[in-house]
């Protein structure tokens, strides 16, 4: 009685090896390309993060200068306010009070925005209620308002840096995938050198497992930001 024909013959195994070699070569090229795009994004994000941090430092210096300038302006305004309070309390010359008031109004008009004015009003209201002299710069949140742009730029810089670090990690992982695919190509490439069918099957199984591991790992990785295949043909 003639024995059953083997399903996995040399010809069929050779066909499987050829198909897997072609598929692995394509996926190796894909992984290398996507990894390179992540690497490009990494460099771009690192450069942009540095630029944003530099802008933030400039805005910090601007904020410090603005605070110093406003403190000097407030000292003038407050000095005029105290002079007027003293004159009113001790029956001073009305024309002098008017002159001081006009000078104070000019300082307000040319140098005080609505946020600064609100802080000054808060400080004076606090004095009227408690008799305690406080600076408008001690009002909660007021000094921080000078640094709003600085904090926004720093936050954007840190987020961009984090994205660059993620791109770097993804680039490294795609590199690992490429290495595993290279091992798969090597294993499938040496299958034909074995004379024993079992040895051929064993090498194919090892190569198949490595191929599966690399493919699953690659599929868990994100594509680069802004990636679109159609953009390369537009």
N, C-alpha and C. Protein backbone atom coordinates (compact mmCIF):
# COMPACT_ATOMS: atom_id res chain seq x y z
N UNK A 1 0.86 -1.20 0.00
CA UNK A 1 0.00 0.00 0.00
C UNK A 1 0.89 1.24 0.00
N UNK A 2 0.59 2.11 -0.92
CA UNK A 2 1.42 3.32 -1.07
C UNK A 2 1.17 4.26 0.10
N UNK A 3 2.28 4.78 0.73
CA UNK A 3 2.17 5.69 1.88
C UNK A 3 1.55 7.02 1.50
N UNK A 4 1.01 7.70 2.51
CA UNK A 4 0.41 9.01 2.27
C UNK A 4 1.47 10.02 1.86
N UNK A 5 1.11 10.90 0.96
CA UNK A 5 2.02 11.96 0.54
C UNK A 5 2.18 12.99 1.65
N UNK A 6 3.39 13.45 1.85
CA UNK A 6 3.65 14.47 2.86
C UNK A 6 3.09 15.81 2.39
N UNK A 7 2.45 16.49 3.34
CA UNK A 7 1.92 17.82 2.99
C UNK A 7 3.05 18.82 2.77
N UNK A 8 4.06 18.81 3.67
CA UNK A 8 5.15 19.77 3.60
C UNK A 8 6.33 19.14 2.87
N UNK A 9 6.26 19.24 1.56
CA UNK A 9 7.35 18.72 0.73
C UNK A 9 8.44 19.77 0.60
N UNK A 10 9.55 19.38 0.00
CA UNK A 10 10.66 20.33 -0.21
C UNK A 10 10.21 21.49 -1.08
N UNK A 11 9.41 21.19 -2.11
CA UNK A 11 8.96 22.25 -3.02
C UNK A 11 8.06 23.25 -2.29
N UNK A 12 7.15 22.71 -1.49
CA UNK A 12 6.24 23.60 -0.74
C UNK A 12 6.99 24.41 0.32
N UNK A 13 7.93 23.78 0.98
CA UNK A 13 8.72 24.49 1.97
C UNK A 13 9.54 25.59 1.31
N UNK A 14 10.05 25.29 0.14
CA UNK A 14 10.84 26.30 -0.59
C UNK A 14 9.96 27.49 -0.98
N UNK A 15 8.71 27.18 -1.38
CA UNK A 15 7.78 28.26 -1.74
C UNK A 15 7.47 29.13 -0.52
N UNK A 16 7.23 28.48 0.63
CA UNK A 16 6.96 29.22 1.87
C UNK A 16 8.14 30.12 2.24
N UNK A 17 9.35 29.57 2.10
CA UNK A 17 10.55 30.33 2.42
C UNK A 17 10.69 31.55 1.51
N UNK A 18 10.42 31.35 0.21
CA UNK A 18 10.51 32.47 -0.75
C UNK A 18 9.50 33.56 -0.40
N UNK A 19 8.28 33.16 -0.07
CA UNK A 19 7.24 34.13 0.29
C UNK A 19 7.63 34.89 1.56
N UNK A 20 8.11 34.16 2.56
CA UNK A 20 8.50 34.79 3.82
C UNK A 20 9.70 35.71 3.64
N UNK A 21 10.63 35.32 2.77
CA UNK A 21 11.78 36.19 2.49
C UNK A 21 11.32 37.52 1.88
N UNK A 22 10.41 37.43 0.93
CA UNK A 22 9.90 38.65 0.30
C UNK A 22 9.13 39.52 1.26
N UNK A 23 8.24 38.87 2.06
CA UNK A 23 7.43 39.63 3.02
C UNK A 23 8.30 40.27 4.09
N UNK A 24 9.29 39.52 4.58
CA UNK A 24 10.18 40.06 5.61
C UNK A 24 11.02 41.21 5.07
N UNK A 25 11.44 41.09 3.82
CA UNK A 25 12.22 42.18 3.20
C UNK A 25 11.39 43.46 3.12
N UNK A 26 10.12 43.31 2.74
CA UNK A 26 9.23 44.47 2.66
C UNK A 26 9.02 45.11 4.04
N UNK A 27 8.77 44.28 5.04
CA UNK A 27 8.55 44.81 6.38
C UNK A 27 9.82 45.40 6.98
N UNK A 28 10.97 44.86 6.61
CA UNK A 28 12.24 45.44 7.06
C UNK A 28 12.41 46.85 6.50
N UNK A 29 12.10 46.98 5.22
CA UNK A 29 12.20 48.31 4.59
C UNK A 29 11.21 49.29 5.22
N UNK A 30 10.00 48.82 5.51
CA UNK A 30 8.98 49.65 6.16
C UNK A 30 9.44 50.11 7.54
N UNK A 31 9.94 49.17 8.34
CA UNK A 31 10.39 49.50 9.69
C UNK A 31 11.55 50.48 9.66
N UNK A 32 12.46 50.31 8.71
CA UNK A 32 13.60 51.22 8.59
C UNK A 32 13.13 52.62 8.21
N UNK A 33 12.17 52.70 7.30
CA UNK A 33 11.65 54.00 6.85
C UNK A 33 10.93 54.73 7.97
N UNK A 34 10.01 54.02 8.65
CA UNK A 34 9.25 54.65 9.73
C UNK A 34 10.18 55.05 10.88
N UNK A 35 11.18 54.20 11.18
CA UNK A 35 12.14 54.56 12.21
C UNK A 35 12.91 55.82 11.85
N UNK A 36 13.27 55.94 10.57
CA UNK A 36 13.98 57.15 10.12
C UNK A 36 13.10 58.39 10.25
N UNK A 37 11.80 58.25 9.97
CA UNK A 37 10.88 59.38 10.12
C UNK A 37 10.77 59.79 11.59
N UNK A 38 10.71 58.81 12.48
CA UNK A 38 10.70 59.12 13.92
C UNK A 38 11.98 59.85 14.31
N UNK A 39 13.11 59.40 13.75
CA UNK A 39 14.37 60.06 14.04
C UNK A 39 14.39 61.51 13.57
N UNK A 40 13.80 61.74 12.39
CA UNK A 40 13.70 63.12 11.90
C UNK A 40 12.82 63.98 12.78
N UNK A 41 11.69 63.41 13.22
CA UNK A 41 10.80 64.14 14.14
C UNK A 41 11.48 64.43 15.46
N UNK A 42 12.29 63.47 15.92
CA UNK A 42 13.02 63.66 17.17
C UNK A 42 13.92 64.89 17.08
N UNK A 43 14.70 64.97 16.00
CA UNK A 43 15.61 66.11 15.83
C UNK A 43 14.84 67.42 15.74
N UNK A 44 13.72 67.40 15.02
CA UNK A 44 12.90 68.61 14.87
C UNK A 44 12.33 69.05 16.21
N UNK A 45 11.81 68.09 16.97
CA UNK A 45 11.20 68.42 18.26
C UNK A 45 12.24 68.90 19.27
N UNK A 46 13.43 68.29 19.27
CA UNK A 46 14.48 68.74 20.17
C UNK A 46 14.88 70.19 19.85
N UNK A 47 15.03 70.48 18.55
CA UNK A 47 15.40 71.85 18.15
C UNK A 47 14.30 72.84 18.52
N UNK A 48 13.05 72.45 18.28
CA UNK A 48 11.93 73.34 18.60
C UNK A 48 11.81 73.55 20.10
N UNK A 49 12.04 72.49 20.88
CA UNK A 49 12.00 72.61 22.34
C UNK A 49 13.06 73.59 22.84
N UNK A 50 14.25 73.51 22.27
CA UNK A 50 15.32 74.43 22.67
C UNK A 50 14.95 75.88 22.31
N UNK A 51 14.36 76.07 21.13
CA UNK A 51 13.95 77.42 20.73
C UNK A 51 12.88 77.98 21.65
N UNK A 52 11.92 77.12 22.01
CA UNK A 52 10.86 77.55 22.92
C UNK A 52 11.41 77.89 24.29
N UNK A 53 12.37 77.09 24.77
CA UNK A 53 12.99 77.37 26.07
C UNK A 53 13.75 78.69 26.03
N UNK A 54 14.40 78.96 24.90
CA UNK A 54 15.11 80.23 24.75
C UNK A 54 14.14 81.41 24.76
N UNK A 55 13.01 81.23 24.04
CA UNK A 55 11.97 82.27 24.05
C UNK A 55 11.42 82.48 25.46
N UNK A 56 11.23 81.39 26.17
CA UNK A 56 10.70 81.47 27.53
C UNK A 56 11.65 82.25 28.44
N UNK A 57 12.93 82.00 28.29
CA UNK A 57 13.92 82.74 29.10
C UNK A 57 13.88 84.22 28.80
N UNK A 58 13.69 84.56 27.52
CA UNK A 58 13.57 85.97 27.14
C UNK A 58 12.33 86.59 27.76
N UNK A 59 11.22 85.82 27.73
CA UNK A 59 9.97 86.33 28.32
C UNK A 59 10.10 86.48 29.83
N UNK A 60 10.88 85.61 30.45
CA UNK A 60 11.11 85.71 31.89
C UNK A 60 11.83 87.01 32.22
N UNK A 61 12.86 87.33 31.42
CA UNK A 61 13.59 88.58 31.63
C UNK A 61 12.70 89.80 31.40
N UNK A 62 11.84 89.71 30.39
CA UNK A 62 10.88 90.80 30.13
C UNK A 62 9.95 90.98 31.32
N UNK A 63 9.48 89.86 31.89
CA UNK A 63 8.57 89.92 33.04
C UNK A 63 9.25 90.56 34.25
N UNK A 64 10.52 90.20 34.48
CA UNK A 64 11.26 90.78 35.61
C UNK A 64 11.41 92.28 35.43
N UNK A 65 11.73 92.69 34.20
CA UNK A 65 11.87 94.12 33.92
C UNK A 65 10.54 94.85 34.09
N UNK A 66 9.45 94.20 33.66
CA UNK A 66 8.12 94.82 33.79
C UNK A 66 7.74 94.99 35.26
N UNK A 67 8.04 93.98 36.07
CA UNK A 67 7.75 94.08 37.50
C UNK A 67 8.55 95.22 38.13
N UNK A 68 9.83 95.29 37.80
CA UNK A 68 10.68 96.36 38.36
C UNK A 68 10.16 97.73 37.96
N UNK A 69 9.78 97.86 36.69
CA UNK A 69 9.25 99.14 36.20
C UNK A 69 7.95 99.50 36.90
N UNK A 70 7.05 98.52 37.04
CA UNK A 70 5.76 98.78 37.68
C UNK A 70 5.93 99.08 39.17
N UNK A 71 6.91 98.48 39.79
CA UNK A 71 7.17 98.79 41.21
C UNK A 71 7.58 100.24 41.38
N UNK A 72 8.43 100.72 40.47
CA UNK A 72 8.85 102.13 40.55
C UNK A 72 7.67 103.06 40.30
N UNK A 73 6.83 102.68 39.33
CA UNK A 73 5.65 103.50 39.04
C UNK A 73 4.71 103.51 40.25
N UNK A 74 4.52 102.34 40.86
CA UNK A 74 3.64 102.29 42.03
C UNK A 74 4.20 103.12 43.18
N UNK A 75 5.50 103.12 43.34
CA UNK A 75 6.09 103.93 44.40
C UNK A 75 5.76 105.41 44.20
N UNK A 76 5.79 105.85 42.94
CA UNK A 76 5.43 107.25 42.65
C UNK A 76 3.96 107.49 42.92
N UNK A 77 3.12 106.57 42.43
CA UNK A 77 1.67 106.72 42.62
C UNK A 77 1.32 106.71 44.11
N UNK A 78 1.91 105.78 44.83
CA UNK A 78 1.61 105.67 46.26
C UNK A 78 2.11 106.87 47.04
N UNK A 79 3.28 107.39 46.63
CA UNK A 79 3.81 108.59 47.29
C UNK A 79 2.86 109.77 47.11
N UNK A 80 2.33 109.92 45.90
CA UNK A 80 1.35 110.98 45.64
C UNK A 80 0.07 110.75 46.45
N UNK A 81 -0.34 109.48 46.55
CA UNK A 81 -1.54 109.15 47.32
C UNK A 81 -1.37 109.52 48.79
N UNK A 82 -0.21 109.21 49.34
CA UNK A 82 0.06 109.53 50.74
C UNK A 82 0.11 111.04 50.96
N UNK A 83 0.70 111.75 50.01
CA UNK A 83 0.75 113.22 50.12
C UNK A 83 -0.65 113.80 50.11
N UNK A 84 -1.50 113.29 49.22
CA UNK A 84 -2.87 113.80 49.16
C UNK A 84 -3.64 113.46 50.43
N UNK A 85 -3.45 112.27 50.96
CA UNK A 85 -4.12 111.88 52.20
C UNK A 85 -3.69 112.80 53.36
N UNK A 86 -2.42 113.10 53.40
CA UNK A 86 -1.90 113.98 54.46
C UNK A 86 -2.49 115.39 54.34
N UNK A 87 -2.51 115.92 53.11
CA UNK A 87 -3.05 117.27 52.89
C UNK A 87 -4.54 117.33 53.24
N UNK A 88 -5.29 116.28 52.85
CA UNK A 88 -6.72 116.25 53.15
C UNK A 88 -6.96 116.13 54.66
N UNK A 89 -6.12 115.36 55.33
CA UNK A 89 -6.29 115.16 56.77
C UNK A 89 -5.98 116.41 57.57
N UNK A 90 -5.05 117.22 57.07
CA UNK A 90 -4.63 118.41 57.82
C UNK A 90 -5.01 119.72 57.12
N UNK A 91 -6.05 119.65 56.27
CA UNK A 91 -6.57 120.87 55.66
C UNK A 91 -5.61 121.56 54.73
N UNK A 92 -4.95 120.80 53.90
CA UNK A 92 -3.99 121.36 52.96
C UNK A 92 -4.65 122.13 51.84
N UNK A 93 -3.82 122.78 51.05
CA UNK A 93 -4.28 123.61 49.93
C UNK A 93 -4.96 122.73 48.89
N UNK A 94 -6.20 123.10 48.53
CA UNK A 94 -6.96 122.32 47.56
C UNK A 94 -6.29 122.30 46.19
N UNK A 95 -5.68 123.44 45.81
CA UNK A 95 -5.01 123.50 44.51
C UNK A 95 -3.82 122.53 44.45
N UNK A 96 -3.14 122.36 45.57
CA UNK A 96 -2.02 121.43 45.63
C UNK A 96 -2.53 119.98 45.54
N UNK A 97 -3.66 119.74 46.20
CA UNK A 97 -4.25 118.41 46.13
C UNK A 97 -4.67 118.09 44.68
N UNK A 98 -5.26 119.09 44.02
CA UNK A 98 -5.66 118.90 42.62
C UNK A 98 -4.45 118.65 41.72
N UNK A 99 -3.36 119.37 42.01
CA UNK A 99 -2.15 119.20 41.21
C UNK A 99 -1.59 117.78 41.37
N UNK A 100 -1.57 117.31 42.61
CA UNK A 100 -1.08 115.96 42.87
C UNK A 100 -1.99 114.90 42.25
N UNK A 101 -3.32 115.18 42.32
CA UNK A 101 -4.28 114.24 41.73
C UNK A 101 -4.11 114.16 40.21
N UNK A 102 -3.87 115.30 39.60
CA UNK A 102 -3.66 115.35 38.15
C UNK A 102 -2.39 114.57 37.76
N UNK A 103 -1.37 114.76 38.56
CA UNK A 103 -0.11 114.05 38.29
C UNK A 103 -0.30 112.54 38.44
N UNK A 104 -1.06 112.16 39.47
CA UNK A 104 -1.32 110.74 39.69
C UNK A 104 -2.14 110.16 38.55
N UNK A 105 -3.14 110.92 38.09
CA UNK A 105 -3.98 110.46 36.98
C UNK A 105 -3.14 110.24 35.71
N UNK A 106 -2.17 111.12 35.51
CA UNK A 106 -1.29 110.98 34.34
C UNK A 106 -0.46 109.71 34.43
N UNK A 107 0.01 109.40 35.63
CA UNK A 107 0.77 108.16 35.82
C UNK A 107 -0.11 106.94 35.57
N UNK A 108 -1.35 107.01 36.05
CA UNK A 108 -2.28 105.90 35.82
C UNK A 108 -2.56 105.73 34.33
N UNK A 109 -2.82 106.83 33.66
CA UNK A 109 -3.22 106.78 32.25
C UNK A 109 -2.11 106.23 31.36
N UNK A 110 -0.88 106.60 31.66
CA UNK A 110 0.21 106.22 30.76
C UNK A 110 0.94 104.94 31.12
N UNK A 111 0.71 104.43 32.33
CA UNK A 111 1.54 103.32 32.78
C UNK A 111 0.80 102.15 33.43
N UNK A 112 -0.47 102.31 33.74
CA UNK A 112 -1.18 101.29 34.52
C UNK A 112 -2.29 100.67 33.67
N UNK A 113 -2.19 99.34 33.47
CA UNK A 113 -3.27 98.66 32.75
C UNK A 113 -4.34 98.22 33.76
N UNK A 114 -5.38 97.56 33.27
CA UNK A 114 -6.52 97.23 34.13
C UNK A 114 -6.14 96.23 35.23
N UNK A 115 -5.21 95.32 34.94
CA UNK A 115 -4.80 94.34 35.96
C UNK A 115 -3.99 95.01 37.07
N UNK A 116 -3.10 95.90 36.66
CA UNK A 116 -2.30 96.64 37.64
C UNK A 116 -3.20 97.54 38.46
N UNK A 117 -4.16 98.19 37.79
CA UNK A 117 -5.09 99.08 38.50
C UNK A 117 -5.92 98.31 39.52
N UNK A 118 -6.34 97.10 39.15
CA UNK A 118 -7.13 96.27 40.08
C UNK A 118 -6.30 95.90 41.31
N UNK A 119 -5.02 95.62 41.09
CA UNK A 119 -4.15 95.27 42.22
C UNK A 119 -3.92 96.48 43.14
N UNK A 120 -3.78 97.66 42.53
CA UNK A 120 -3.62 98.88 43.34
C UNK A 120 -4.88 99.15 44.16
N UNK A 121 -6.03 99.00 43.50
CA UNK A 121 -7.31 99.19 44.21
C UNK A 121 -7.42 98.21 45.38
N UNK A 122 -6.99 96.99 45.16
CA UNK A 122 -7.03 95.99 46.23
C UNK A 122 -6.16 96.41 47.41
N UNK A 123 -4.94 96.91 47.12
CA UNK A 123 -4.01 97.32 48.18
C UNK A 123 -4.58 98.50 48.97
N UNK A 124 -5.16 99.46 48.26
CA UNK A 124 -5.71 100.64 48.94
C UNK A 124 -6.97 100.26 49.74
N UNK A 125 -7.79 99.37 49.19
CA UNK A 125 -8.99 98.93 49.91
C UNK A 125 -8.59 98.18 51.17
N UNK A 126 -7.53 97.41 51.08
CA UNK A 126 -7.05 96.68 52.26
C UNK A 126 -6.59 97.66 53.34
N UNK A 127 -5.96 98.75 52.92
CA UNK A 127 -5.51 99.77 53.89
C UNK A 127 -6.71 100.46 54.54
N UNK A 128 -7.72 100.77 53.70
CA UNK A 128 -8.91 101.44 54.24
C UNK A 128 -9.63 100.56 55.26
N UNK A 129 -9.62 99.25 55.03
CA UNK A 129 -10.35 98.34 55.91
C UNK A 129 -9.57 97.98 57.18
N UNK A 130 -8.26 97.84 57.04
CA UNK A 130 -7.46 97.33 58.17
C UNK A 130 -6.43 98.32 58.69
N UNK A 131 -6.13 99.35 57.90
CA UNK A 131 -5.07 100.28 58.29
C UNK A 131 -3.68 99.71 58.04
N UNK A 132 -3.62 98.54 57.42
CA UNK A 132 -2.33 97.90 57.14
C UNK A 132 -1.90 98.23 55.71
N UNK A 133 -0.69 98.70 55.56
CA UNK A 133 -0.15 99.04 54.24
C UNK A 133 0.38 97.76 53.58
N UNK A 134 -0.14 97.45 52.41
CA UNK A 134 0.32 96.28 51.67
C UNK A 134 0.64 96.70 50.24
N UNK A 135 1.47 95.93 49.61
CA UNK A 135 1.83 96.19 48.21
C UNK A 135 0.84 95.49 47.29
N UNK A 136 0.49 96.10 46.17
CA UNK A 136 -0.38 95.41 45.21
C UNK A 136 0.26 94.14 44.66
N UNK A 137 1.58 94.08 44.74
CA UNK A 137 2.29 92.91 44.22
C UNK A 137 2.15 91.70 45.15
N UNK A 138 1.57 91.91 46.33
CA UNK A 138 1.31 90.80 47.24
C UNK A 138 -0.09 90.21 47.03
N UNK A 139 -0.86 90.81 46.13
CA UNK A 139 -2.18 90.26 45.82
C UNK A 139 -2.02 88.90 45.15
N UNK A 140 -2.80 87.94 45.58
CA UNK A 140 -2.67 86.58 45.07
C UNK A 140 -2.84 86.51 43.56
N UNK A 141 -1.87 85.94 42.90
CA UNK A 141 -1.94 85.73 41.46
C UNK A 141 -1.47 86.89 40.62
N UNK A 142 -1.30 88.09 41.24
CA UNK A 142 -0.96 89.25 40.42
C UNK A 142 0.46 89.15 39.86
N UNK A 143 1.42 88.85 40.72
CA UNK A 143 2.80 88.75 40.24
C UNK A 143 2.94 87.63 39.22
N UNK A 144 2.21 86.54 39.44
CA UNK A 144 2.27 85.41 38.49
C UNK A 144 1.78 85.81 37.10
N UNK A 145 0.90 86.81 37.04
CA UNK A 145 0.35 87.21 35.75
C UNK A 145 1.42 87.77 34.81
N UNK A 146 2.49 88.28 35.39
CA UNK A 146 3.59 88.78 34.56
C UNK A 146 4.30 87.64 33.83
N UNK A 147 4.20 86.45 34.39
CA UNK A 147 4.94 85.31 33.85
C UNK A 147 4.06 84.35 33.06
N UNK A 148 2.86 84.80 32.66
CA UNK A 148 1.93 83.91 31.95
C UNK A 148 2.54 83.38 30.66
N UNK A 149 3.09 84.27 29.84
CA UNK A 149 3.70 83.84 28.58
C UNK A 149 4.89 82.93 28.83
N UNK A 150 5.68 83.27 29.85
CA UNK A 150 6.83 82.43 30.19
C UNK A 150 6.38 81.01 30.52
N UNK A 151 5.36 80.88 31.37
CA UNK A 151 4.89 79.55 31.77
C UNK A 151 4.30 78.79 30.58
N UNK A 152 3.61 79.50 29.70
CA UNK A 152 3.04 78.85 28.51
C UNK A 152 4.14 78.30 27.61
N UNK A 153 5.19 79.10 27.40
CA UNK A 153 6.29 78.66 26.54
C UNK A 153 7.07 77.51 27.16
N UNK A 154 7.26 77.57 28.48
CA UNK A 154 7.97 76.49 29.16
C UNK A 154 7.17 75.19 29.06
N UNK A 155 5.85 75.29 29.26
CA UNK A 155 4.99 74.09 29.16
C UNK A 155 5.04 73.51 27.75
N UNK A 156 5.00 74.39 26.74
CA UNK A 156 5.06 73.92 25.35
C UNK A 156 6.42 73.30 25.05
N UNK A 157 7.48 73.92 25.59
CA UNK A 157 8.83 73.39 25.40
C UNK A 157 8.96 72.00 26.02
N UNK A 158 8.43 71.83 27.22
CA UNK A 158 8.51 70.52 27.90
C UNK A 158 7.70 69.47 27.16
N UNK A 159 6.53 69.87 26.65
CA UNK A 159 5.70 68.93 25.90
C UNK A 159 6.38 68.52 24.60
N UNK A 160 7.02 69.48 23.93
CA UNK A 160 7.73 69.19 22.69
C UNK A 160 8.93 68.30 22.95
N UNK A 161 9.63 68.57 24.06
CA UNK A 161 10.77 67.72 24.43
C UNK A 161 10.31 66.29 24.72
N UNK A 162 9.17 66.17 25.42
CA UNK A 162 8.63 64.83 25.71
C UNK A 162 8.28 64.09 24.43
N UNK A 163 7.73 64.82 23.45
CA UNK A 163 7.41 64.20 22.17
C UNK A 163 8.69 63.76 21.45
N UNK A 164 9.73 64.60 21.55
CA UNK A 164 11.02 64.24 20.95
C UNK A 164 11.60 62.99 21.59
N UNK A 165 11.46 62.89 22.91
CA UNK A 165 11.95 61.70 23.61
C UNK A 165 11.16 60.46 23.21
N UNK A 166 9.84 60.65 23.01
CA UNK A 166 9.01 59.52 22.56
C UNK A 166 9.42 59.09 21.15
N UNK A 167 9.71 60.08 20.29
CA UNK A 167 10.17 59.76 18.94
C UNK A 167 11.51 59.02 18.98
N UNK A 168 12.37 59.43 19.89
CA UNK A 168 13.66 58.77 20.03
C UNK A 168 13.48 57.30 20.45
N UNK A 169 12.57 57.08 21.41
CA UNK A 169 12.29 55.71 21.87
C UNK A 169 11.70 54.88 20.74
N UNK A 170 10.76 55.47 19.99
CA UNK A 170 10.15 54.74 18.88
C UNK A 170 11.17 54.43 17.79
N UNK A 171 12.07 55.38 17.54
CA UNK A 171 13.14 55.16 16.56
C UNK A 171 14.00 53.97 16.99
N UNK A 172 14.37 53.93 18.27
CA UNK A 172 15.18 52.82 18.78
C UNK A 172 14.44 51.49 18.66
N UNK A 173 13.13 51.51 18.96
CA UNK A 173 12.36 50.27 18.91
C UNK A 173 12.20 49.78 17.48
N UNK A 174 11.97 50.71 16.55
CA UNK A 174 11.91 50.31 15.14
C UNK A 174 13.26 49.75 14.69
N UNK A 175 14.34 50.28 15.25
CA UNK A 175 15.66 49.73 14.96
C UNK A 175 15.78 48.29 15.43
N UNK A 176 15.22 48.01 16.63
CA UNK A 176 15.21 46.64 17.16
C UNK A 176 14.41 45.73 16.25
N UNK A 177 13.26 46.22 15.77
CA UNK A 177 12.42 45.44 14.86
C UNK A 177 13.20 45.10 13.59
N UNK A 178 13.94 46.07 13.08
CA UNK A 178 14.74 45.85 11.88
C UNK A 178 15.80 44.77 12.11
N UNK A 179 16.42 44.80 13.29
CA UNK A 179 17.43 43.78 13.62
C UNK A 179 16.80 42.39 13.66
N UNK A 180 15.61 42.28 14.28
CA UNK A 180 14.94 40.97 14.37
C UNK A 180 14.58 40.47 12.97
N UNK A 181 14.08 41.39 12.12
CA UNK A 181 13.76 41.00 10.74
C UNK A 181 15.01 40.55 10.00
N UNK A 182 16.14 41.17 10.30
CA UNK A 182 17.40 40.77 9.66
C UNK A 182 17.77 39.34 10.06
N UNK A 183 17.52 39.02 11.32
CA UNK A 183 17.76 37.65 11.79
C UNK A 183 16.83 36.68 11.06
N UNK A 184 15.57 37.10 10.87
CA UNK A 184 14.60 36.27 10.15
C UNK A 184 15.07 36.03 8.72
N UNK A 185 15.53 37.08 8.07
CA UNK A 185 16.05 36.94 6.70
C UNK A 185 17.22 35.97 6.65
N UNK A 186 18.09 36.08 7.64
CA UNK A 186 19.25 35.18 7.70
C UNK A 186 18.81 33.73 7.86
N UNK A 187 17.86 33.49 8.77
CA UNK A 187 17.42 32.12 9.03
C UNK A 187 16.74 31.51 7.80
N UNK A 188 15.85 32.30 7.18
CA UNK A 188 15.20 31.77 5.98
C UNK A 188 16.21 31.58 4.84
N UNK A 189 17.23 32.41 4.84
CA UNK A 189 18.22 32.32 3.78
C UNK A 189 19.09 31.08 3.87
N UNK A 190 19.24 30.51 5.06
CA UNK A 190 20.10 29.32 5.22
C UNK A 190 19.32 28.02 5.25
N UNK A 191 17.98 28.11 5.12
CA UNK A 191 17.16 26.89 5.18
C UNK A 191 17.60 25.88 4.13
N UNK A 192 17.84 26.37 2.91
CA UNK A 192 18.16 25.45 1.81
C UNK A 192 19.49 24.73 1.99
N UNK A 193 20.32 25.25 2.90
CA UNK A 193 21.63 24.63 3.10
C UNK A 193 21.55 23.35 3.94
N UNK A 194 20.41 23.11 4.57
CA UNK A 194 20.23 21.91 5.37
C UNK A 194 19.67 20.78 4.51
N UNK A 195 20.23 19.60 4.68
CA UNK A 195 19.75 18.45 3.91
C UNK A 195 18.61 17.73 4.59
N UNK A 196 18.59 17.78 5.91
CA UNK A 196 17.56 17.08 6.67
C UNK A 196 16.29 17.93 6.75
N UNK A 197 15.15 17.31 6.43
CA UNK A 197 13.87 18.03 6.39
C UNK A 197 13.51 18.57 7.78
N UNK A 198 13.76 17.79 8.81
CA UNK A 198 13.43 18.23 10.15
C UNK A 198 14.22 19.48 10.54
N UNK A 199 15.48 19.50 10.16
CA UNK A 199 16.31 20.68 10.44
C UNK A 199 15.77 21.90 9.70
N UNK A 200 15.35 21.70 8.47
CA UNK A 200 14.75 22.80 7.70
C UNK A 200 13.50 23.33 8.39
N UNK A 201 12.65 22.41 8.85
CA UNK A 201 11.41 22.80 9.53
C UNK A 201 11.71 23.53 10.83
N UNK A 202 12.70 23.04 11.56
CA UNK A 202 13.06 23.68 12.84
C UNK A 202 13.52 25.12 12.62
N UNK A 203 14.38 25.31 11.62
CA UNK A 203 14.86 26.68 11.31
C UNK A 203 13.70 27.57 10.88
N UNK A 204 12.79 27.01 10.07
CA UNK A 204 11.63 27.79 9.63
C UNK A 204 10.74 28.18 10.81
N UNK A 205 10.58 27.26 11.76
CA UNK A 205 9.75 27.56 12.94
C UNK A 205 10.38 28.69 13.76
N UNK A 206 11.70 28.59 13.98
CA UNK A 206 12.39 29.64 14.74
C UNK A 206 12.27 30.99 14.02
N UNK A 207 12.45 30.96 12.70
CA UNK A 207 12.34 32.19 11.92
C UNK A 207 10.92 32.74 11.97
N UNK A 208 9.92 31.83 11.93
CA UNK A 208 8.53 32.26 11.98
C UNK A 208 8.17 32.91 13.30
N UNK A 209 8.68 32.33 14.39
CA UNK A 209 8.42 32.92 15.71
C UNK A 209 9.06 34.30 15.81
N UNK A 210 10.30 34.42 15.33
CA UNK A 210 10.99 35.72 15.35
C UNK A 210 10.24 36.74 14.49
N UNK A 211 9.73 36.26 13.33
CA UNK A 211 8.95 37.14 12.45
C UNK A 211 7.69 37.62 13.16
N UNK A 212 7.01 36.71 13.85
CA UNK A 212 5.78 37.07 14.56
C UNK A 212 6.06 38.08 15.68
N UNK A 213 7.15 37.84 16.44
CA UNK A 213 7.51 38.76 17.53
C UNK A 213 7.79 40.15 16.99
N UNK A 214 8.57 40.24 15.92
CA UNK A 214 8.93 41.54 15.33
C UNK A 214 7.69 42.26 14.79
N UNK A 215 6.80 41.51 14.16
CA UNK A 215 5.60 42.11 13.56
C UNK A 215 4.65 42.63 14.63
N UNK A 216 4.43 41.83 15.68
CA UNK A 216 3.56 42.26 16.78
C UNK A 216 4.14 43.50 17.46
N UNK A 217 5.46 43.48 17.69
CA UNK A 217 6.11 44.63 18.32
C UNK A 217 5.96 45.87 17.46
N UNK A 218 6.13 45.73 16.16
CA UNK A 218 6.03 46.88 15.26
C UNK A 218 4.60 47.43 15.24
N UNK A 219 3.63 46.56 15.30
CA UNK A 219 2.23 47.00 15.24
C UNK A 219 1.80 47.74 16.51
N UNK A 220 2.54 47.57 17.60
CA UNK A 220 2.21 48.30 18.83
C UNK A 220 2.79 49.71 18.83
N UNK A 221 3.65 50.01 17.86
CA UNK A 221 4.32 51.32 17.83
C UNK A 221 3.49 52.31 17.02
N UNK A 222 3.47 53.58 17.45
CA UNK A 222 2.71 54.59 16.71
C UNK A 222 3.47 55.05 15.47
N UNK A 223 2.71 55.54 14.50
CA UNK A 223 3.32 56.16 13.33
C UNK A 223 3.78 57.57 13.71
N UNK A 224 4.74 58.13 12.99
CA UNK A 224 5.21 59.48 13.32
C UNK A 224 4.09 60.52 13.20
N UNK A 225 4.16 61.57 14.00
CA UNK A 225 3.17 62.66 13.93
C UNK A 225 3.13 63.24 12.53
N UNK A 226 1.91 63.42 12.03
CA UNK A 226 1.75 64.02 10.72
C UNK A 226 2.02 63.08 9.56
N UNK A 227 2.21 61.78 9.85
CA UNK A 227 2.53 60.82 8.78
C UNK A 227 1.31 60.57 7.90
N UNK A 228 1.56 60.62 6.60
CA UNK A 228 0.52 60.29 5.62
C UNK A 228 1.20 59.84 4.34
N UNK A 229 0.91 58.62 3.92
CA UNK A 229 1.54 58.11 2.71
C UNK A 229 1.19 58.97 1.50
N UNK A 230 -0.06 59.47 1.49
CA UNK A 230 -0.49 60.27 0.33
C UNK A 230 0.33 61.54 0.17
N UNK A 231 0.90 62.04 1.30
CA UNK A 231 1.69 63.27 1.21
C UNK A 231 2.97 63.09 0.40
N UNK A 232 3.41 61.84 0.24
CA UNK A 232 4.63 61.58 -0.52
C UNK A 232 4.35 61.49 -2.01
N UNK A 233 3.08 61.49 -2.36
CA UNK A 233 2.72 61.39 -3.77
C UNK A 233 1.93 62.62 -4.25
N UNK A 234 1.73 63.58 -3.31
CA UNK A 234 0.97 64.76 -3.66
C UNK A 234 1.81 65.81 -4.34
